[in-house]
C-alpha atoms as a PDB file:
ATOM      1  CA  UNK A   1       5.335 -25.259  -7.196  1.00  0.00           C
ATOM      2  CA  UNK A   2       6.991 -21.765  -7.006  1.00  0.00           C
ATOM      3  CA  UNK A   3       9.378 -21.135  -9.591  1.00  0.00           C
ATOM      4  CA  UNK A   4      11.563 -18.628  -8.011  1.00  0.00           C
ATOM      5  CA  UNK A   5      12.043 -16.476  -4.985  1.00  0.00           C
ATOM      6  CA  UNK A   6       9.192 -14.111  -4.109  1.00  0.00           C
ATOM      7  CA  UNK A   7      11.290 -11.035  -4.650  1.00  0.00           C
ATOM      8  CA  UNK A   8      12.083 -11.860  -8.319  1.00  0.00           C
ATOM      9  CA  UNK A   9       8.899 -10.090  -9.867  1.00  0.00           C
ATOM     10  CA  UNK A  10       9.323  -7.361 -12.211  1.00  0.00           C
ATOM     11  CA  UNK A  11       7.985  -5.502 -15.116  1.00  0.00           C
ATOM     12  CA  UNK A  12      10.707  -6.614 -17.850  1.00  0.00           C
ATOM     13  CA  UNK A  13       9.877  -4.165 -20.890  1.00  0.00           C
ATOM     14  CA  UNK A  14       7.239  -1.429 -20.935  1.00  0.00           C
ATOM     15  CA  UNK A  15       6.317  -0.350 -24.723  1.00  0.00           C
ATOM     16  CA  UNK A  16       4.244   2.690 -25.394  1.00  0.00           C
ATOM     17  CA  UNK A  17       2.703   3.282 -28.635  1.00  0.00           C
ATOM     18  CA  UNK A  18       0.972   6.372 -29.858  1.00  0.00           C
ATOM     19  CA  UNK A  19      -1.714   5.736 -32.511  1.00  0.00           C
ATOM     20  CA  UNK A  20      -4.286   7.934 -34.107  1.00  0.00           C
ATOM     21  CA  UNK A  21      -6.958   6.656 -31.662  1.00  0.00           C
ATOM     22  CA  UNK A  22      -5.075   6.599 -28.418  1.00  0.00           C
ATOM     23  CA  UNK A  23      -2.056   5.433 -26.381  1.00  0.00           C
ATOM     24  CA  UNK A  24      -1.290   1.703 -26.012  1.00  0.00           C
ATOM     25  CA  UNK A  25       0.690  -0.191 -23.392  1.00  0.00           C
ATOM     26  CA  UNK A  26       2.297  -3.689 -23.985  1.00  0.00           C
ATOM     27  CA  UNK A  27       4.315  -5.483 -21.433  1.00  0.00           C
ATOM     28  CA  UNK A  28       5.159  -8.957 -20.277  1.00  0.00           C
ATOM     29  CA  UNK A  29       5.645  -9.287 -16.592  1.00  0.00           C
ATOM     30  CA  UNK A  30       8.085 -11.677 -14.773  1.00  0.00           C
ATOM     31  CA  UNK A  31       6.183 -12.623 -11.694  1.00  0.00           C
ATOM     32  CA  UNK A  32       6.265 -15.303  -9.243  1.00  0.00           C
ATOM     33  CA  UNK A  33       3.048 -15.851  -7.304  1.00  0.00           C
ATOM     34  CA  UNK A  34       3.451 -15.924  -3.639  1.00  0.00           C
ATOM     35  CA  UNK A  35       3.519 -19.742  -2.330  1.00  0.00           C
ATOM     36  CA  UNK A  36       0.675 -19.112  -0.126  1.00  0.00           C
ATOM     37  CA  UNK A  37      -1.534 -17.888  -2.881  1.00  0.00           C
ATOM     38  CA  UNK A  38      -0.450 -20.711  -5.167  1.00  0.00           C
ATOM     39  CA  UNK A  39      -1.449 -23.088  -2.617  1.00  0.00           C
ATOM     40  CA  UNK A  40      -5.010 -21.486  -2.254  1.00  0.00           C
ATOM     41  CA  UNK A  41      -5.423 -21.480  -5.924  1.00  0.00           C
ATOM     42  CA  UNK A  42      -4.872 -25.107  -6.156  1.00  0.00           C
ATOM     43  CA  UNK A  43      -7.423 -25.706  -3.466  1.00  0.00           C
ATOM     44  CA  UNK A  44      -9.976 -23.997  -5.714  1.00  0.00           C
ATOM     45  CA  UNK A  45      -9.762 -20.375  -4.271  1.00  0.00           C
ATOM     46  CA  UNK A  46      -9.629 -17.921  -6.990  1.00  0.00           C
ATOM     47  CA  UNK A  47      -7.063 -15.184  -7.013  1.00  0.00           C
ATOM     48  CA  UNK A  48      -7.943 -11.585  -8.042  1.00  0.00           C
ATOM     49  CA  UNK A  49      -5.238  -9.313  -9.875  1.00  0.00           C
ATOM     50  CA  UNK A  50      -5.503  -5.592 -10.617  1.00  0.00           C
ATOM     51  CA  UNK A  51      -3.595  -3.788 -13.297  1.00  0.00           C
ATOM     52  CA  UNK A  52      -3.591  -0.044 -13.228  1.00  0.00           C
ATOM     53  CA  UNK A  53      -2.245   2.361 -15.720  1.00  0.00           C
ATOM     54  CA  UNK A  54      -2.097   6.071 -15.161  1.00  0.00           C
ATOM     55  CA  UNK A  55      -0.992   8.760 -17.353  1.00  0.00           C
ATOM     56  CA  UNK A  56       0.129  12.147 -15.999  1.00  0.00           C
ATOM     57  CA  UNK A  57       1.079  15.348 -17.859  1.00  0.00           C
ATOM     58  CA  UNK A  58       4.203  16.914 -16.656  1.00  0.00           C
ATOM     59  CA  UNK A  59       3.871  20.435 -15.181  1.00  0.00           C
ATOM     60  CA  UNK A  60       6.787  22.483 -13.805  1.00  0.00           C
ATOM     61  CA  UNK A  61       4.903  24.621 -11.238  1.00  0.00           C
ATOM     62  CA  UNK A  62       2.789  22.150  -9.376  1.00  0.00           C
ATOM     63  CA  UNK A  63       2.101  18.332  -9.196  1.00  0.00           C
ATOM     64  CA  UNK A  64       1.830  16.708 -12.530  1.00  0.00           C
ATOM     65  CA  UNK A  65      -1.807  16.524 -13.761  1.00  0.00           C
ATOM     66  CA  UNK A  66      -3.482  13.155 -14.180  1.00  0.00           C
ATOM     67  CA  UNK A  67      -5.104  13.004 -17.882  1.00  0.00           C
ATOM     68  CA  UNK A  68      -6.036   9.403 -17.988  1.00  0.00           C
ATOM     69  CA  UNK A  69      -6.477   6.411 -15.675  1.00  0.00           C
ATOM     70  CA  UNK A  70      -7.567   2.817 -16.533  1.00  0.00           C
ATOM     71  CA  UNK A  71      -7.894  -0.597 -14.779  1.00  0.00           C
ATOM     72  CA  UNK A  72      -8.093  -4.068 -15.616  1.00  0.00           C
ATOM     73  CA  UNK A  73      -9.380  -6.771 -13.241  1.00  0.00           C
ATOM     74  CA  UNK A  74      -8.520 -10.372 -13.416  1.00  0.00           C
ATOM     75  CA  UNK A  75      -9.763 -13.596 -11.657  1.00  0.00           C
ATOM     76  CA  UNK A  76      -7.730 -16.746 -11.930  1.00  0.00           C
ATOM     77  CA  UNK A  77      -9.458 -19.855 -10.634  1.00  0.00           C
ATOM     78  CA  UNK A  78      -8.696 -23.552 -10.771  1.00  0.00           C
ATOM     79  CA  UNK A  79     -11.564 -26.198 -11.275  1.00  0.00           C
ATOM     80  CA  UNK A  80     -10.193 -29.397  -9.365  1.00  0.00           C
ATOM     81  CA  UNK A  81     -12.804 -31.645 -10.956  1.00  0.00           C
ATOM     82  CA  UNK A  82     -11.915 -30.763 -14.336  1.00  0.00           C
ATOM     83  CA  UNK A  83      -8.241 -29.929 -13.687  1.00  0.00           C
ATOM     84  CA  UNK A  84      -8.558 -26.816 -15.833  1.00  0.00           C
ATOM     85  CA  UNK A  85      -7.585 -23.107 -15.169  1.00  0.00           C
ATOM     86  CA  UNK A  86     -10.094 -20.321 -15.774  1.00  0.00           C
ATOM     87  CA  UNK A  87      -9.060 -16.683 -16.392  1.00  0.00           C
ATOM     88  CA  UNK A  88     -11.580 -13.917 -16.409  1.00  0.00           C
ATOM     89  CA  UNK A  89     -10.735 -10.292 -17.309  1.00  0.00           C
ATOM     90  CA  UNK A  90     -12.949  -7.231 -16.866  1.00  0.00           C
ATOM     91  CA  UNK A  91     -12.882  -3.613 -16.803  1.00  0.00           C
ATOM     92  CA  UNK A  92     -14.927  -3.458 -13.620  1.00  0.00           C
ATOM     93  CA  UNK A  93     -14.370  -5.257 -10.245  1.00  0.00           C
ATOM     94  CA  UNK A  94     -15.879  -8.696  -9.896  1.00  0.00           C
ATOM     95  CA  UNK A  95     -18.936  -9.067  -7.602  1.00  0.00           C
ATOM     96  CA  UNK A  96     -20.983 -11.680  -6.297  1.00  0.00           C
ATOM     97  CA  UNK A  97     -23.981 -10.589  -8.395  1.00  0.00           C
ATOM     98  CA  UNK A  98     -22.502 -12.196 -11.494  1.00  0.00           C
ATOM     99  CA  UNK A  99     -19.605 -11.804 -13.766  1.00  0.00           C
ATOM    100  CA  UNK A 100     -21.000  -9.036 -16.056  1.00  0.00           C
ATOM    101  CA  UNK A 101     -19.043  -8.233 -19.303  1.00  0.00           C
ATOM    102  CA  UNK A 102     -16.043 -10.132 -19.181  1.00  0.00           C
ATOM    103  CA  UNK A 103     -13.424 -12.113 -21.222  1.00  0.00           C
ATOM    104  CA  UNK A 104     -12.904 -15.618 -20.265  1.00  0.00           C
ATOM    105  CA  UNK A 105     -10.359 -18.147 -21.170  1.00  0.00           C
ATOM    106  CA  UNK A 106      -9.478 -21.718 -20.061  1.00  0.00           C
ATOM    107  CA  UNK A 107      -6.054 -23.377 -19.950  1.00  0.00           C
ATOM    108  CA  UNK A 108      -4.992 -26.779 -19.369  1.00  0.00           C
ATOM    109  CA  UNK A 109      -2.067 -25.983 -16.969  1.00  0.00           C
ATOM    110  CA  UNK A 110      -0.958 -23.624 -14.518  1.00  0.00           C
ATOM    111  CA  UNK A 111       2.079 -22.150 -16.665  1.00  0.00           C
ATOM    112  CA  UNK A 112      -0.156 -21.243 -19.521  1.00  0.00           C
ATOM    113  CA  UNK A 113      -2.681 -19.511 -17.316  1.00  0.00           C
ATOM    114  CA  UNK A 114       0.040 -17.627 -15.462  1.00  0.00           C
ATOM    115  CA  UNK A 115       1.489 -16.569 -18.929  1.00  0.00           C
ATOM    116  CA  UNK A 116      -1.661 -15.128 -19.851  1.00  0.00           C
ATOM    117  CA  UNK A 117      -1.926 -13.176 -16.628  1.00  0.00           C
ATOM    118  CA  UNK A 118       1.422 -11.654 -17.062  1.00  0.00           C
ATOM    119  CA  UNK A 119       1.014 -10.675 -20.707  1.00  0.00           C
ATOM    120  CA  UNK A 120      -0.655  -7.336 -21.905  1.00  0.00           C
ATOM    121  CA  UNK A 121      -0.692  -6.672 -25.591  1.00  0.00           C
ATOM    122  CA  UNK A 122      -1.970  -3.204 -26.870  1.00  0.00           C
ATOM    123  CA  UNK A 123      -3.976  -2.439 -24.025  1.00  0.00           C
ATOM    124  CA  UNK A 124      -5.505   1.051 -24.773  1.00  0.00           C
ATOM    125  CA  UNK A 125      -4.874   3.333 -21.599  1.00  0.00           C
ATOM    126  CA  UNK A 126      -5.728   6.694 -22.882  1.00  0.00           C
ATOM    127  CA  UNK A 127      -7.685   8.512 -25.664  1.00  0.00           C
ATOM    128  CA  UNK A 128      -5.788  10.472 -28.070  1.00  0.00           C
ATOM    129  CA  UNK A 129      -7.473  13.830 -27.212  1.00  0.00           C
ATOM    130  CA  UNK A 130      -6.012  13.745 -23.681  1.00  0.00           C
ATOM    131  CA  UNK A 131      -2.524  13.276 -24.865  1.00  0.00           C
ATOM    132  CA  UNK A 132      -1.034  16.673 -25.905  1.00  0.00           C
ATOM    133  CA  UNK A 133       1.450  16.302 -28.636  1.00  0.00           C
ATOM    134  CA  UNK A 134       3.829  19.110 -27.465  1.00  0.00           C
ATOM    135  CA  UNK A 135       3.957  18.137 -23.757  1.00  0.00           C
ATOM    136  CA  UNK A 136       5.879  15.388 -21.962  1.00  0.00           C
ATOM    137  CA  UNK A 137       3.828  12.649 -20.091  1.00  0.00           C
ATOM    138  CA  UNK A 138       4.677   9.979 -17.719  1.00  0.00           C
ATOM    139  CA  UNK A 139       2.842   6.557 -17.720  1.00  0.00           C
ATOM    140  CA  UNK A 140       2.820   4.731 -14.221  1.00  0.00           C
ATOM    141  CA  UNK A 141       1.961   0.992 -14.462  1.00  0.00           C
ATOM    142  CA  UNK A 142       1.137  -1.158 -11.340  1.00  0.00           C
ATOM    143  CA  UNK A 143       0.117  -4.765 -11.181  1.00  0.00           C
ATOM    144  CA  UNK A 144      -0.924  -6.393  -7.908  1.00  0.00           C
ATOM    145  CA  UNK A 145      -2.682  -9.203  -6.172  1.00  0.00           C
ATOM    146  CA  UNK A 146      -6.160  -7.756  -4.784  1.00  0.00           C
ATOM    147  CA  UNK A 147      -6.413  -8.957  -1.185  1.00  0.00           C
ATOM    148  CA  UNK A 148      -9.728  -7.021  -0.742  1.00  0.00           C
ATOM    149  CA  UNK A 149     -11.519  -9.627  -3.082  1.00  0.00           C
ATOM    150  CA  UNK A 150     -10.516 -12.914  -1.317  1.00  0.00           C
ATOM    151  CA  UNK A 151     -12.797 -14.618   0.885  1.00  0.00           C
ATOM    152  CA  UNK A 152     -12.845 -12.926   4.384  1.00  0.00           C
ATOM    153  CA  UNK A 153     -10.892 -15.559   6.295  1.00  0.00           C
ATOM    154  CA  UNK A 154      -8.125 -15.211   3.843  1.00  0.00           C
ATOM    155  CA  UNK A 155      -8.247 -11.259   4.146  1.00  0.00           C
ATOM    156  CA  UNK A 156      -7.961 -11.647   7.892  1.00  0.00           C
ATOM    157  CA  UNK A 157      -5.253 -14.115   7.883  1.00  0.00           C
ATOM    158  CA  UNK A 158      -3.174 -12.354   5.391  1.00  0.00           C
ATOM    159  CA  UNK A 159      -2.940  -8.996   7.103  1.00  0.00           C
ATOM    160  CA  UNK A 160       0.724  -8.124   7.806  1.00  0.00           C
ATOM    161  CA  UNK A 161       2.047 -11.401   6.298  1.00  0.00           C
ATOM    162  CA  UNK A 162       4.674 -11.009   3.540  1.00  0.00           C
ATOM    163  CA  UNK A 163       3.704 -14.440   1.861  1.00  0.00           C
ATOM    164  CA  UNK A 164       0.705 -12.831   0.235  1.00  0.00           C
ATOM    165  CA  UNK A 165       2.364  -9.618  -1.115  1.00  0.00           C
ATOM    166  CA  UNK A 166       2.710  -9.269  -4.938  1.00  0.00           C
ATOM    167  CA  UNK A 167       3.149  -5.788  -6.383  1.00  0.00           C
ATOM    168  CA  UNK A 168       5.189  -4.632  -9.264  1.00  0.00           C
ATOM    169  CA  UNK A 169       5.318  -1.226 -10.699  1.00  0.00           C
ATOM    170  CA  UNK A 170       7.126   0.713 -13.332  1.00  0.00           C
ATOM    171  CA  UNK A 171       7.005   4.245 -14.695  1.00  0.00           C
ATOM    172  CA  UNK A 172       7.891   5.373 -18.196  1.00  0.00           C
ATOM    173  CA  UNK A 173       8.189   8.829 -19.721  1.00  0.00           C
ATOM    174  CA  UNK A 174       6.440   9.362 -22.869  1.00  0.00           C
ATOM    175  CA  UNK A 175       8.186  12.421 -24.668  1.00  0.00           C
ATOM    176  CA  UNK A 176       6.712  15.190 -26.697  1.00  0.00           C
ATOM    177  CA  UNK A 177       6.155  14.431 -30.327  1.00  0.00           C
ATOM    178  CA  UNK A 178       8.210  16.469 -32.720  1.00  0.00           C
ATOM    179  CA  UNK A 179       6.267  18.811 -34.832  1.00  0.00           C
ATOM    180  CA  UNK A 180       5.745  17.252 -38.189  1.00  0.00           C
ATOM    181  CA  UNK A 181       5.873  19.703 -41.264  1.00  0.00           C
END
């Protein structure tokens, strides 16, 4: 089932684009889901992922100042009866009271579903008014398996076990824009 070693996960290419309405992030992750998590998925237990992007403004005299932060939540589940994969994405954490406002997609196989989990295309991570054109900024991106949303027996059993770890991160500088005249 697993396509490679657990340590082969990385953020391959991180692209940042400044537009008139904000800052956009695009990337494709190269992740291998831990074998224990993949086995749980095939048994019908959904896995939850969290992608976080944070934009900080560089300051020479103190810590960098955070100017924007955004989070995307994903839930990947397998329906054994229909043999289909379901991916839900939301801007707020999933709760038991319903899904709220989410984007849902279905897939016929595991590879297609994981490909959708790993791809971020033009994700708006900051408004244009918080990005100062004459200052340097740094974008910090993190993607992780969210253990806090798993069923309680899995949370207890997964504590301290490396077979459940999935965390990739990358930081990239966004330089000051040259003055256009």
